[in-house]
N, C-alpha and C. Protein backbone atom coordinates (compact mmCIF):
# COMPACT_ATOMS: atom_id res chain seq x y z
N MET A 1 19.33 -36.69 15.38
CA MET A 1 18.06 -36.04 15.70
C MET A 1 17.12 -36.15 14.50
N GLU A 2 15.88 -36.43 14.79
CA GLU A 2 14.87 -36.55 13.74
C GLU A 2 14.53 -35.18 13.15
N ILE A 3 14.44 -35.12 11.82
CA ILE A 3 14.10 -33.87 11.15
C ILE A 3 12.60 -33.63 11.29
N LYS A 4 12.24 -32.42 11.66
CA LYS A 4 10.83 -32.02 11.76
C LYS A 4 10.34 -31.63 10.37
N LYS A 5 9.16 -32.12 9.99
CA LYS A 5 8.63 -31.89 8.65
C LYS A 5 7.41 -30.97 8.67
N ILE A 6 7.43 -30.01 7.73
CA ILE A 6 6.35 -29.05 7.58
C ILE A 6 5.59 -29.34 6.28
N ALA A 7 4.27 -29.26 6.36
CA ALA A 7 3.42 -29.22 5.16
C ALA A 7 2.82 -27.83 5.11
N ILE A 8 3.00 -27.15 3.98
CA ILE A 8 2.45 -25.80 3.81
C ILE A 8 1.19 -25.90 2.96
N PHE A 9 0.11 -25.30 3.46
CA PHE A 9 -1.14 -25.19 2.71
C PHE A 9 -1.25 -23.75 2.21
N ALA A 10 -1.41 -23.58 0.90
CA ALA A 10 -1.49 -22.25 0.30
C ALA A 10 -2.47 -22.29 -0.86
N SER A 11 -3.08 -21.14 -1.15
CA SER A 11 -4.06 -21.07 -2.23
C SER A 11 -3.66 -20.14 -3.36
N GLY A 12 -2.57 -19.39 -3.19
CA GLY A 12 -2.29 -18.34 -4.17
C GLY A 12 -0.87 -18.32 -4.68
N SER A 13 -0.31 -17.13 -4.69
CA SER A 13 1.01 -16.89 -5.25
C SER A 13 2.12 -17.63 -4.52
N GLY A 14 2.03 -17.66 -3.21
CA GLY A 14 3.01 -18.43 -2.43
C GLY A 14 4.25 -17.68 -2.02
N THR A 15 4.17 -16.35 -1.88
CA THR A 15 5.37 -15.62 -1.46
C THR A 15 5.79 -16.00 -0.03
N ASN A 16 4.82 -16.15 0.86
CA ASN A 16 5.17 -16.59 2.22
C ASN A 16 5.69 -18.02 2.20
N ALA A 17 5.09 -18.88 1.38
CA ALA A 17 5.57 -20.27 1.27
C ALA A 17 7.02 -20.29 0.81
N GLN A 18 7.34 -19.50 -0.22
CA GLN A 18 8.72 -19.47 -0.71
C GLN A 18 9.66 -18.95 0.36
N ASN A 19 9.26 -17.93 1.08
CA ASN A 19 10.08 -17.40 2.15
C ASN A 19 10.38 -18.47 3.21
N ILE A 20 9.37 -19.26 3.54
CA ILE A 20 9.53 -20.34 4.52
C ILE A 20 10.47 -21.41 3.97
N ILE A 21 10.27 -21.78 2.70
CA ILE A 21 11.13 -22.78 2.06
C ILE A 21 12.58 -22.32 2.10
N GLU A 22 12.82 -21.08 1.71
CA GLU A 22 14.19 -20.55 1.70
C GLU A 22 14.78 -20.50 3.10
N TYR A 23 13.98 -20.11 4.07
CA TYR A 23 14.45 -20.01 5.45
C TYR A 23 14.96 -21.37 5.97
N PHE A 24 14.23 -22.43 5.63
CA PHE A 24 14.59 -23.76 6.14
C PHE A 24 15.47 -24.57 5.19
N SER A 25 15.86 -24.00 4.06
CA SER A 25 16.59 -24.78 3.05
C SER A 25 17.92 -25.33 3.55
N GLU A 26 18.58 -24.65 4.44
CA GLU A 26 19.87 -25.11 4.98
C GLU A 26 19.76 -25.64 6.41
N ASN A 27 18.53 -25.72 6.92
CA ASN A 27 18.31 -26.13 8.30
C ASN A 27 18.41 -27.64 8.43
N GLU A 28 19.16 -28.11 9.39
CA GLU A 28 19.35 -29.55 9.58
C GLU A 28 18.28 -30.17 10.48
N LYS A 29 17.47 -29.34 11.13
CA LYS A 29 16.46 -29.84 12.06
C LYS A 29 15.04 -29.76 11.51
N VAL A 30 14.82 -28.88 10.51
CA VAL A 30 13.47 -28.63 10.00
C VAL A 30 13.52 -28.58 8.48
N LYS A 31 12.51 -29.19 7.83
CA LYS A 31 12.43 -29.06 6.38
C LYS A 31 10.98 -28.93 5.93
N VAL A 32 10.79 -28.21 4.82
CA VAL A 32 9.48 -28.15 4.20
C VAL A 32 9.34 -29.41 3.36
N ASP A 33 8.41 -30.26 3.73
CA ASP A 33 8.21 -31.55 3.07
C ASP A 33 7.36 -31.43 1.82
N SER A 34 6.29 -30.62 1.89
CA SER A 34 5.33 -30.60 0.80
C SER A 34 4.49 -29.33 0.83
N ILE A 35 3.93 -29.03 -0.37
CA ILE A 35 3.00 -27.92 -0.54
C ILE A 35 1.66 -28.51 -0.93
N TRP A 36 0.60 -28.05 -0.28
CA TRP A 36 -0.77 -28.53 -0.52
C TRP A 36 -1.62 -27.35 -0.95
N THR A 37 -2.38 -27.52 -2.03
CA THR A 37 -3.22 -26.43 -2.50
C THR A 37 -4.56 -26.93 -3.03
N ASN A 38 -5.53 -26.03 -2.97
CA ASN A 38 -6.87 -26.30 -3.49
C ASN A 38 -7.06 -25.67 -4.86
N LYS A 39 -5.99 -25.12 -5.43
CA LYS A 39 -6.10 -24.45 -6.74
C LYS A 39 -5.02 -24.98 -7.68
N LYS A 40 -5.46 -25.66 -8.73
CA LYS A 40 -4.50 -26.30 -9.65
C LYS A 40 -3.63 -25.30 -10.41
N ASN A 41 -4.04 -24.04 -10.48
CA ASN A 41 -3.26 -23.02 -11.18
C ASN A 41 -2.54 -22.06 -10.23
N ALA A 42 -2.52 -22.38 -8.94
CA ALA A 42 -1.87 -21.50 -7.96
C ALA A 42 -0.37 -21.40 -8.25
N TYR A 43 0.15 -20.19 -8.23
CA TYR A 43 1.58 -20.01 -8.54
C TYR A 43 2.48 -20.66 -7.49
N VAL A 44 1.94 -20.93 -6.32
CA VAL A 44 2.73 -21.61 -5.29
C VAL A 44 3.25 -22.96 -5.80
N LEU A 45 2.53 -23.59 -6.74
CA LEU A 45 2.98 -24.87 -7.30
C LEU A 45 4.27 -24.69 -8.09
N GLN A 46 4.37 -23.60 -8.83
CA GLN A 46 5.60 -23.31 -9.59
C GLN A 46 6.75 -23.05 -8.62
N ARG A 47 6.48 -22.31 -7.56
CA ARG A 47 7.53 -22.03 -6.57
C ARG A 47 8.04 -23.35 -5.96
N ALA A 48 7.11 -24.23 -5.62
CA ALA A 48 7.49 -25.52 -5.04
C ALA A 48 8.35 -26.32 -6.02
N LYS A 49 7.95 -26.33 -7.28
CA LYS A 49 8.69 -27.07 -8.31
C LYS A 49 10.12 -26.57 -8.41
N GLU A 50 10.30 -25.25 -8.36
CA GLU A 50 11.64 -24.67 -8.45
C GLU A 50 12.55 -25.13 -7.31
N PHE A 51 11.96 -25.48 -6.18
CA PHE A 51 12.74 -25.94 -5.03
C PHE A 51 12.71 -27.46 -4.88
N GLY A 52 12.07 -28.14 -5.83
CA GLY A 52 12.01 -29.61 -5.77
C GLY A 52 11.14 -30.13 -4.64
N ILE A 53 10.11 -29.40 -4.29
CA ILE A 53 9.24 -29.80 -3.18
C ILE A 53 7.98 -30.46 -3.72
N LYS A 54 7.62 -31.57 -3.13
CA LYS A 54 6.45 -32.36 -3.54
C LYS A 54 5.19 -31.51 -3.36
N THR A 55 4.26 -31.63 -4.33
CA THR A 55 3.01 -30.87 -4.25
C THR A 55 1.80 -31.80 -4.31
N PHE A 56 0.73 -31.35 -3.71
CA PHE A 56 -0.54 -32.07 -3.71
C PHE A 56 -1.65 -31.07 -4.00
N ILE A 57 -2.54 -31.44 -4.91
CA ILE A 57 -3.70 -30.61 -5.24
C ILE A 57 -4.94 -31.41 -4.84
N PHE A 58 -5.87 -30.74 -4.18
CA PHE A 58 -7.09 -31.42 -3.73
C PHE A 58 -8.30 -30.56 -4.00
N ASP A 59 -9.47 -31.20 -4.03
CA ASP A 59 -10.71 -30.44 -4.23
C ASP A 59 -11.48 -30.37 -2.91
N LYS A 60 -12.55 -29.62 -2.95
CA LYS A 60 -13.36 -29.38 -1.74
C LYS A 60 -13.86 -30.69 -1.13
N ASN A 61 -14.31 -31.61 -1.97
CA ASN A 61 -14.83 -32.88 -1.48
C ASN A 61 -13.75 -33.68 -0.74
N GLU A 62 -12.56 -33.79 -1.33
CA GLU A 62 -11.46 -34.51 -0.67
C GLU A 62 -11.08 -33.84 0.65
N PHE A 63 -11.17 -32.52 0.67
CA PHE A 63 -10.77 -31.76 1.84
C PHE A 63 -11.75 -31.92 2.99
N VAL A 64 -13.03 -31.84 2.68
CA VAL A 64 -14.06 -31.83 3.72
C VAL A 64 -14.52 -33.23 4.11
N ASN A 65 -14.62 -34.12 3.12
CA ASN A 65 -15.16 -35.46 3.36
C ASN A 65 -14.06 -36.51 3.30
N GLY A 66 -14.04 -37.38 4.27
CA GLY A 66 -13.07 -38.46 4.25
C GLY A 66 -11.75 -38.07 4.87
N ASN A 67 -10.83 -39.03 4.85
CA ASN A 67 -9.56 -38.85 5.53
C ASN A 67 -8.35 -38.97 4.61
N PHE A 68 -8.55 -38.83 3.29
CA PHE A 68 -7.45 -38.97 2.35
C PHE A 68 -6.28 -38.05 2.71
N ILE A 69 -6.57 -36.78 2.94
CA ILE A 69 -5.50 -35.81 3.21
C ILE A 69 -4.82 -36.12 4.55
N VAL A 70 -5.61 -36.41 5.56
CA VAL A 70 -5.04 -36.75 6.87
C VAL A 70 -4.12 -37.96 6.75
N LYS A 71 -4.58 -39.01 6.07
CA LYS A 71 -3.77 -40.23 5.91
C LYS A 71 -2.46 -39.92 5.18
N LYS A 72 -2.54 -39.11 4.12
CA LYS A 72 -1.34 -38.78 3.34
C LYS A 72 -0.35 -37.98 4.20
N LEU A 73 -0.85 -37.05 4.99
CA LEU A 73 0.02 -36.26 5.87
C LEU A 73 0.68 -37.15 6.92
N ILE A 74 -0.07 -38.09 7.47
CA ILE A 74 0.49 -39.02 8.45
C ILE A 74 1.56 -39.89 7.79
N GLU A 75 1.26 -40.41 6.61
CA GLU A 75 2.24 -41.22 5.87
C GLU A 75 3.55 -40.47 5.66
N ARG A 76 3.45 -39.18 5.40
CA ARG A 76 4.63 -38.37 5.13
C ARG A 76 5.34 -37.94 6.42
N GLY A 77 4.76 -38.25 7.58
CA GLY A 77 5.40 -37.93 8.85
C GLY A 77 5.40 -36.44 9.17
N ILE A 78 4.34 -35.76 8.80
CA ILE A 78 4.27 -34.31 9.00
C ILE A 78 4.13 -33.97 10.48
N ASP A 79 4.97 -33.04 10.94
CA ASP A 79 4.94 -32.59 12.34
C ASP A 79 4.13 -31.32 12.53
N LEU A 80 4.02 -30.50 11.47
CA LEU A 80 3.33 -29.22 11.59
C LEU A 80 2.76 -28.84 10.23
N ILE A 81 1.50 -28.38 10.24
CA ILE A 81 0.90 -27.80 9.05
C ILE A 81 0.96 -26.29 9.23
N VAL A 82 1.42 -25.61 8.18
CA VAL A 82 1.51 -24.15 8.18
C VAL A 82 0.56 -23.62 7.10
N LEU A 83 -0.34 -22.75 7.49
CA LEU A 83 -1.23 -22.11 6.53
C LEU A 83 -0.57 -20.80 6.10
N ALA A 84 -0.34 -20.68 4.80
CA ALA A 84 0.31 -19.50 4.25
C ALA A 84 -0.54 -19.00 3.09
N GLY A 85 -1.61 -18.28 3.43
CA GLY A 85 -2.53 -17.82 2.40
C GLY A 85 -3.49 -18.91 1.96
N PHE A 86 -3.91 -19.73 2.90
CA PHE A 86 -4.91 -20.77 2.62
C PHE A 86 -6.22 -20.31 3.25
N LEU A 87 -7.28 -20.27 2.45
CA LEU A 87 -8.48 -19.56 2.88
C LEU A 87 -9.64 -20.42 3.35
N TRP A 88 -9.59 -21.71 3.14
CA TRP A 88 -10.70 -22.55 3.58
C TRP A 88 -10.63 -22.83 5.08
N LEU A 89 -11.81 -22.91 5.69
CA LEU A 89 -11.89 -23.33 7.09
C LEU A 89 -11.49 -24.80 7.17
N LEU A 90 -10.64 -25.14 8.12
CA LEU A 90 -10.15 -26.51 8.21
C LEU A 90 -11.15 -27.42 8.90
N PRO A 91 -11.32 -28.63 8.35
CA PRO A 91 -12.22 -29.59 9.00
C PRO A 91 -11.60 -30.14 10.29
N SER A 92 -12.45 -30.64 11.16
CA SER A 92 -11.98 -31.10 12.47
C SER A 92 -11.03 -32.29 12.37
N ASN A 93 -11.15 -33.12 11.31
CA ASN A 93 -10.21 -34.25 11.23
C ASN A 93 -8.76 -33.76 11.07
N LEU A 94 -8.56 -32.59 10.49
CA LEU A 94 -7.21 -32.02 10.42
C LEU A 94 -6.82 -31.33 11.72
N THR A 95 -7.74 -30.48 12.25
CA THR A 95 -7.39 -29.71 13.45
C THR A 95 -7.21 -30.60 14.68
N GLU A 96 -7.85 -31.75 14.69
CA GLU A 96 -7.71 -32.66 15.84
C GLU A 96 -6.52 -33.60 15.72
N THR A 97 -5.96 -33.71 14.52
CA THR A 97 -4.87 -34.66 14.28
C THR A 97 -3.51 -33.98 14.26
N PHE A 98 -3.46 -32.74 13.80
CA PHE A 98 -2.18 -32.06 13.61
C PHE A 98 -2.10 -30.75 14.37
N LYS A 99 -0.86 -30.38 14.68
CA LYS A 99 -0.58 -29.03 15.16
C LYS A 99 -0.55 -28.17 13.90
N ILE A 100 -1.34 -27.09 13.89
CA ILE A 100 -1.48 -26.24 12.71
C ILE A 100 -1.33 -24.78 13.14
N ILE A 101 -0.56 -24.02 12.36
CA ILE A 101 -0.46 -22.59 12.65
C ILE A 101 -0.78 -21.78 11.40
N ASN A 102 -1.22 -20.56 11.63
CA ASN A 102 -1.62 -19.65 10.57
C ASN A 102 -1.05 -18.27 10.86
N ILE A 103 -0.89 -17.50 9.78
CA ILE A 103 -0.51 -16.09 9.94
C ILE A 103 -1.67 -15.26 9.42
N HIS A 104 -2.00 -14.22 10.17
CA HIS A 104 -3.10 -13.34 9.78
C HIS A 104 -2.55 -11.92 9.67
N PRO A 105 -2.93 -11.17 8.60
CA PRO A 105 -2.34 -9.84 8.37
C PRO A 105 -3.02 -8.71 9.13
N ALA A 106 -3.29 -8.94 10.39
CA ALA A 106 -3.86 -7.90 11.26
C ALA A 106 -3.63 -8.32 12.70
N LEU A 107 -3.95 -7.41 13.61
CA LEU A 107 -3.80 -7.70 15.04
C LEU A 107 -5.11 -8.29 15.55
N LEU A 108 -5.18 -9.61 15.51
CA LEU A 108 -6.40 -10.27 16.00
C LEU A 108 -6.62 -9.91 17.46
N PRO A 109 -7.86 -9.81 17.92
CA PRO A 109 -9.08 -10.26 17.26
C PRO A 109 -9.66 -9.27 16.25
N LYS A 110 -9.05 -8.09 16.10
CA LYS A 110 -9.55 -7.14 15.09
C LYS A 110 -9.31 -7.70 13.70
N TYR A 111 -10.26 -7.44 12.81
CA TYR A 111 -10.13 -7.75 11.39
C TYR A 111 -9.87 -9.23 11.12
N GLY A 112 -10.52 -10.08 11.90
CA GLY A 112 -10.42 -11.51 11.66
C GLY A 112 -11.76 -12.06 11.23
N GLY A 113 -11.78 -13.34 10.91
CA GLY A 113 -13.02 -14.01 10.55
C GLY A 113 -13.15 -14.24 9.05
N LYS A 114 -14.24 -14.87 8.68
CA LYS A 114 -14.49 -15.23 7.29
C LYS A 114 -14.44 -13.99 6.40
N GLY A 115 -13.74 -14.10 5.30
CA GLY A 115 -13.64 -13.01 4.33
C GLY A 115 -12.58 -11.97 4.66
N MET A 116 -12.00 -12.05 5.84
CA MET A 116 -10.97 -11.07 6.22
C MET A 116 -9.58 -11.66 5.94
N TYR A 117 -9.11 -11.37 4.74
CA TYR A 117 -7.79 -11.82 4.32
C TYR A 117 -7.23 -10.80 3.33
N GLY A 118 -5.91 -10.81 3.18
CA GLY A 118 -5.25 -9.98 2.18
C GLY A 118 -5.70 -8.53 2.18
N MET A 119 -5.99 -8.03 0.97
CA MET A 119 -6.34 -6.62 0.81
C MET A 119 -7.66 -6.26 1.49
N ASN A 120 -8.54 -7.23 1.70
CA ASN A 120 -9.77 -6.95 2.46
C ASN A 120 -9.43 -6.39 3.84
N VAL A 121 -8.42 -6.98 4.46
CA VAL A 121 -7.99 -6.54 5.79
C VAL A 121 -7.37 -5.14 5.70
N HIS A 122 -6.45 -4.95 4.77
CA HIS A 122 -5.74 -3.66 4.68
C HIS A 122 -6.69 -2.53 4.32
N ASN A 123 -7.66 -2.81 3.43
CA ASN A 123 -8.68 -1.80 3.10
C ASN A 123 -9.46 -1.40 4.35
N ALA A 124 -9.86 -2.38 5.14
CA ALA A 124 -10.64 -2.10 6.36
C ALA A 124 -9.82 -1.30 7.37
N VAL A 125 -8.55 -1.66 7.52
CA VAL A 125 -7.67 -0.94 8.45
C VAL A 125 -7.58 0.54 8.07
N VAL A 126 -7.39 0.81 6.79
CA VAL A 126 -7.27 2.20 6.32
C VAL A 126 -8.61 2.93 6.43
N GLU A 127 -9.68 2.27 6.00
CA GLU A 127 -11.02 2.88 6.07
C GLU A 127 -11.39 3.28 7.50
N ASN A 128 -10.98 2.46 8.46
CA ASN A 128 -11.31 2.72 9.86
C ASN A 128 -10.29 3.61 10.55
N ARG A 129 -9.36 4.14 9.78
CA ARG A 129 -8.35 5.08 10.28
C ARG A 129 -7.59 4.54 11.49
N GLU A 130 -7.25 3.25 11.43
CA GLU A 130 -6.44 2.66 12.50
C GLU A 130 -5.07 3.32 12.51
N THR A 131 -4.46 3.40 13.67
CA THR A 131 -3.13 3.99 13.77
C THR A 131 -2.04 2.91 13.78
N GLU A 132 -2.48 1.65 13.89
CA GLU A 132 -1.51 0.55 13.82
C GLU A 132 -2.19 -0.69 13.26
N SER A 133 -1.34 -1.55 12.72
CA SER A 133 -1.78 -2.87 12.28
C SER A 133 -0.64 -3.81 12.62
N GLY A 134 -0.61 -4.97 12.01
CA GLY A 134 0.47 -5.91 12.32
C GLY A 134 0.11 -7.30 11.86
N ILE A 135 0.82 -8.27 12.42
CA ILE A 135 0.54 -9.67 12.10
C ILE A 135 0.24 -10.44 13.38
N SER A 136 -0.54 -11.48 13.20
CA SER A 136 -0.86 -12.41 14.29
C SER A 136 -0.55 -13.82 13.81
N ILE A 137 0.26 -14.52 14.56
CA ILE A 137 0.55 -15.93 14.27
C ILE A 137 -0.12 -16.72 15.38
N HIS A 138 -0.96 -17.67 14.97
CA HIS A 138 -1.77 -18.38 15.97
C HIS A 138 -1.97 -19.84 15.59
N PHE A 139 -2.29 -20.63 16.59
CA PHE A 139 -2.69 -22.01 16.34
C PHE A 139 -4.07 -22.00 15.70
N VAL A 140 -4.37 -23.05 14.95
CA VAL A 140 -5.62 -23.13 14.21
C VAL A 140 -6.55 -24.13 14.88
N ASN A 141 -7.81 -23.71 15.03
CA ASN A 141 -8.85 -24.63 15.47
C ASN A 141 -9.93 -24.66 14.38
N ASP A 142 -11.14 -25.05 14.72
CA ASP A 142 -12.17 -25.20 13.69
C ASP A 142 -13.00 -23.93 13.47
N LYS A 143 -12.47 -22.77 13.89
CA LYS A 143 -13.13 -21.48 13.62
C LYS A 143 -12.10 -20.56 12.99
N TYR A 144 -12.56 -19.62 12.17
CA TYR A 144 -11.64 -18.67 11.53
C TYR A 144 -10.94 -17.79 12.56
N ASP A 145 -9.61 -17.77 12.52
CA ASP A 145 -8.80 -16.82 13.28
C ASP A 145 -9.09 -16.82 14.78
N ASP A 146 -9.33 -18.01 15.32
CA ASP A 146 -9.79 -18.12 16.70
C ASP A 146 -8.81 -18.85 17.62
N GLY A 147 -7.80 -19.49 17.08
CA GLY A 147 -6.92 -20.32 17.89
C GLY A 147 -6.00 -19.53 18.81
N GLU A 148 -5.37 -20.26 19.71
CA GLU A 148 -4.46 -19.66 20.70
C GLU A 148 -3.36 -18.84 20.02
N MET A 149 -3.12 -17.64 20.53
CA MET A 149 -2.13 -16.73 19.96
C MET A 149 -0.72 -17.21 20.30
N ILE A 150 0.15 -17.15 19.29
CA ILE A 150 1.56 -17.49 19.46
C ILE A 150 2.41 -16.23 19.51
N PHE A 151 2.12 -15.30 18.58
CA PHE A 151 2.99 -14.12 18.42
C PHE A 151 2.24 -13.01 17.70
N GLN A 152 2.45 -11.78 18.15
CA GLN A 152 1.94 -10.61 17.44
C GLN A 152 3.03 -9.55 17.41
N VAL A 153 3.06 -8.79 16.31
CA VAL A 153 3.95 -7.65 16.23
C VAL A 153 3.21 -6.56 15.46
N LYS A 154 3.47 -5.31 15.87
CA LYS A 154 2.73 -4.17 15.32
C LYS A 154 3.60 -3.35 14.38
N CYS A 155 2.90 -2.59 13.54
CA CYS A 155 3.56 -1.56 12.73
C CYS A 155 2.62 -0.35 12.69
N PRO A 156 3.18 0.84 12.52
CA PRO A 156 2.32 2.02 12.47
C PRO A 156 1.56 2.11 11.14
N VAL A 157 0.37 2.67 11.21
CA VAL A 157 -0.38 3.02 10.01
C VAL A 157 -0.51 4.54 10.04
N LEU A 158 0.10 5.18 9.05
CA LEU A 158 0.12 6.63 8.99
C LEU A 158 -1.17 7.16 8.36
N PRO A 159 -1.57 8.38 8.70
CA PRO A 159 -2.79 8.94 8.09
C PRO A 159 -2.72 8.99 6.57
N THR A 160 -1.51 9.04 6.01
CA THR A 160 -1.33 9.12 4.56
C THR A 160 -1.23 7.73 3.90
N ASP A 161 -1.17 6.67 4.69
CA ASP A 161 -1.02 5.32 4.13
C ASP A 161 -2.25 4.88 3.35
N LEU A 162 -2.00 4.30 2.20
CA LEU A 162 -3.03 3.65 1.41
C LEU A 162 -3.00 2.16 1.73
N PRO A 163 -4.02 1.40 1.35
CA PRO A 163 -4.01 -0.04 1.63
C PRO A 163 -2.75 -0.76 1.14
N ASN A 164 -2.23 -0.38 -0.02
CA ASN A 164 -0.99 -1.01 -0.51
C ASN A 164 0.21 -0.71 0.38
N ASP A 165 0.24 0.49 0.96
CA ASP A 165 1.32 0.83 1.89
C ASP A 165 1.26 -0.07 3.13
N VAL A 166 0.06 -0.27 3.63
CA VAL A 166 -0.12 -1.15 4.79
C VAL A 166 0.28 -2.58 4.41
N ALA A 167 -0.15 -3.02 3.24
CA ALA A 167 0.19 -4.38 2.78
C ALA A 167 1.70 -4.58 2.73
N ASN A 168 2.43 -3.59 2.23
CA ASN A 168 3.88 -3.71 2.15
C ASN A 168 4.52 -3.82 3.53
N LYS A 169 4.02 -3.03 4.48
CA LYS A 169 4.53 -3.11 5.85
C LYS A 169 4.26 -4.50 6.45
N ILE A 170 3.05 -5.01 6.20
CA ILE A 170 2.66 -6.31 6.74
C ILE A 170 3.52 -7.42 6.13
N HIS A 171 3.74 -7.35 4.81
CA HIS A 171 4.57 -8.38 4.17
C HIS A 171 5.96 -8.43 4.77
N LYS A 172 6.54 -7.28 5.06
CA LYS A 172 7.88 -7.26 5.67
C LYS A 172 7.86 -7.97 7.03
N LEU A 173 6.81 -7.70 7.81
CA LEU A 173 6.70 -8.37 9.12
C LEU A 173 6.52 -9.88 8.94
N GLU A 174 5.69 -10.27 7.96
CA GLU A 174 5.45 -11.70 7.71
C GLU A 174 6.76 -12.40 7.36
N TYR A 175 7.50 -11.83 6.42
CA TYR A 175 8.73 -12.47 5.94
C TYR A 175 9.77 -12.58 7.05
N LYS A 176 9.82 -11.57 7.92
CA LYS A 176 10.80 -11.61 9.01
C LYS A 176 10.41 -12.59 10.10
N HIS A 177 9.15 -12.56 10.52
CA HIS A 177 8.78 -13.27 11.74
C HIS A 177 8.16 -14.67 11.55
N PHE A 178 7.46 -14.91 10.44
CA PHE A 178 6.74 -16.18 10.31
C PHE A 178 7.68 -17.38 10.36
N PRO A 179 8.77 -17.41 9.56
CA PRO A 179 9.66 -18.57 9.64
C PRO A 179 10.28 -18.76 11.03
N GLU A 180 10.64 -17.66 11.67
CA GLU A 180 11.23 -17.75 13.02
C GLU A 180 10.24 -18.37 14.00
N GLU A 181 8.99 -17.95 13.92
CA GLU A 181 7.98 -18.49 14.86
C GLU A 181 7.65 -19.94 14.55
N ILE A 182 7.66 -20.31 13.27
CA ILE A 182 7.46 -21.72 12.89
C ILE A 182 8.56 -22.57 13.52
N GLU A 183 9.78 -22.09 13.41
CA GLU A 183 10.92 -22.83 13.98
C GLU A 183 10.78 -22.98 15.49
N LYS A 184 10.38 -21.91 16.16
CA LYS A 184 10.19 -21.98 17.61
C LYS A 184 9.11 -22.99 17.99
N VAL A 185 8.00 -22.98 17.25
CA VAL A 185 6.91 -23.93 17.53
C VAL A 185 7.40 -25.37 17.36
N LEU A 186 8.18 -25.61 16.30
CA LEU A 186 8.64 -26.97 16.04
C LEU A 186 9.69 -27.46 17.01
N LEU A 187 10.53 -26.56 17.48
CA LEU A 187 11.67 -26.98 18.28
C LEU A 187 11.47 -26.84 19.78
N ARG A 188 10.29 -26.40 20.16
CA ARG A 188 9.94 -26.44 21.59
C ARG A 188 8.51 -26.94 21.68
N SER A 189 8.19 -27.48 22.80
CA SER A 189 6.82 -28.03 22.91
C SER A 189 5.88 -26.96 23.44
N TYR A 190 4.68 -26.94 22.93
CA TYR A 190 3.65 -26.00 23.37
C TYR A 190 2.65 -26.72 24.23
């Protein structure tokens, strides 16, 4: 059986990327092929190095103009692009060529869109006195947080919760469910 290959796009620390790498490290059907980032100092590069995973760094011009990234992904035989803390809107040459999924730290369609990521989301959830939050895993199109929903799971937000408390609950959900849903997407057809 052919091994399914994942390319992870990340812009920051890479905790979700590392969790995904570890999840698939012993998997015979799926492997993380490469890490792609727009930040040369992103800690995700160090995490990739520790696992012996190939990395690629690109700038805005390479990302938006031309097909360098698309060609490289095709050459590497990538089956799925996973966004794990990658904040740029994807150009249509990527969204039309590859199956791409993203994780969002809220229950979309609430708290989605440009600028709604990380602590921005958790601050808004607490400020608006929401009683629940969660994660949304979805396919990616050419709009922020707009693609077809794959999976959502909720967690309670208590009146005493601070944004960091919500963030911790969300991280636990991300680490548990994101790799499982990636595997499901890769091993069944959508």
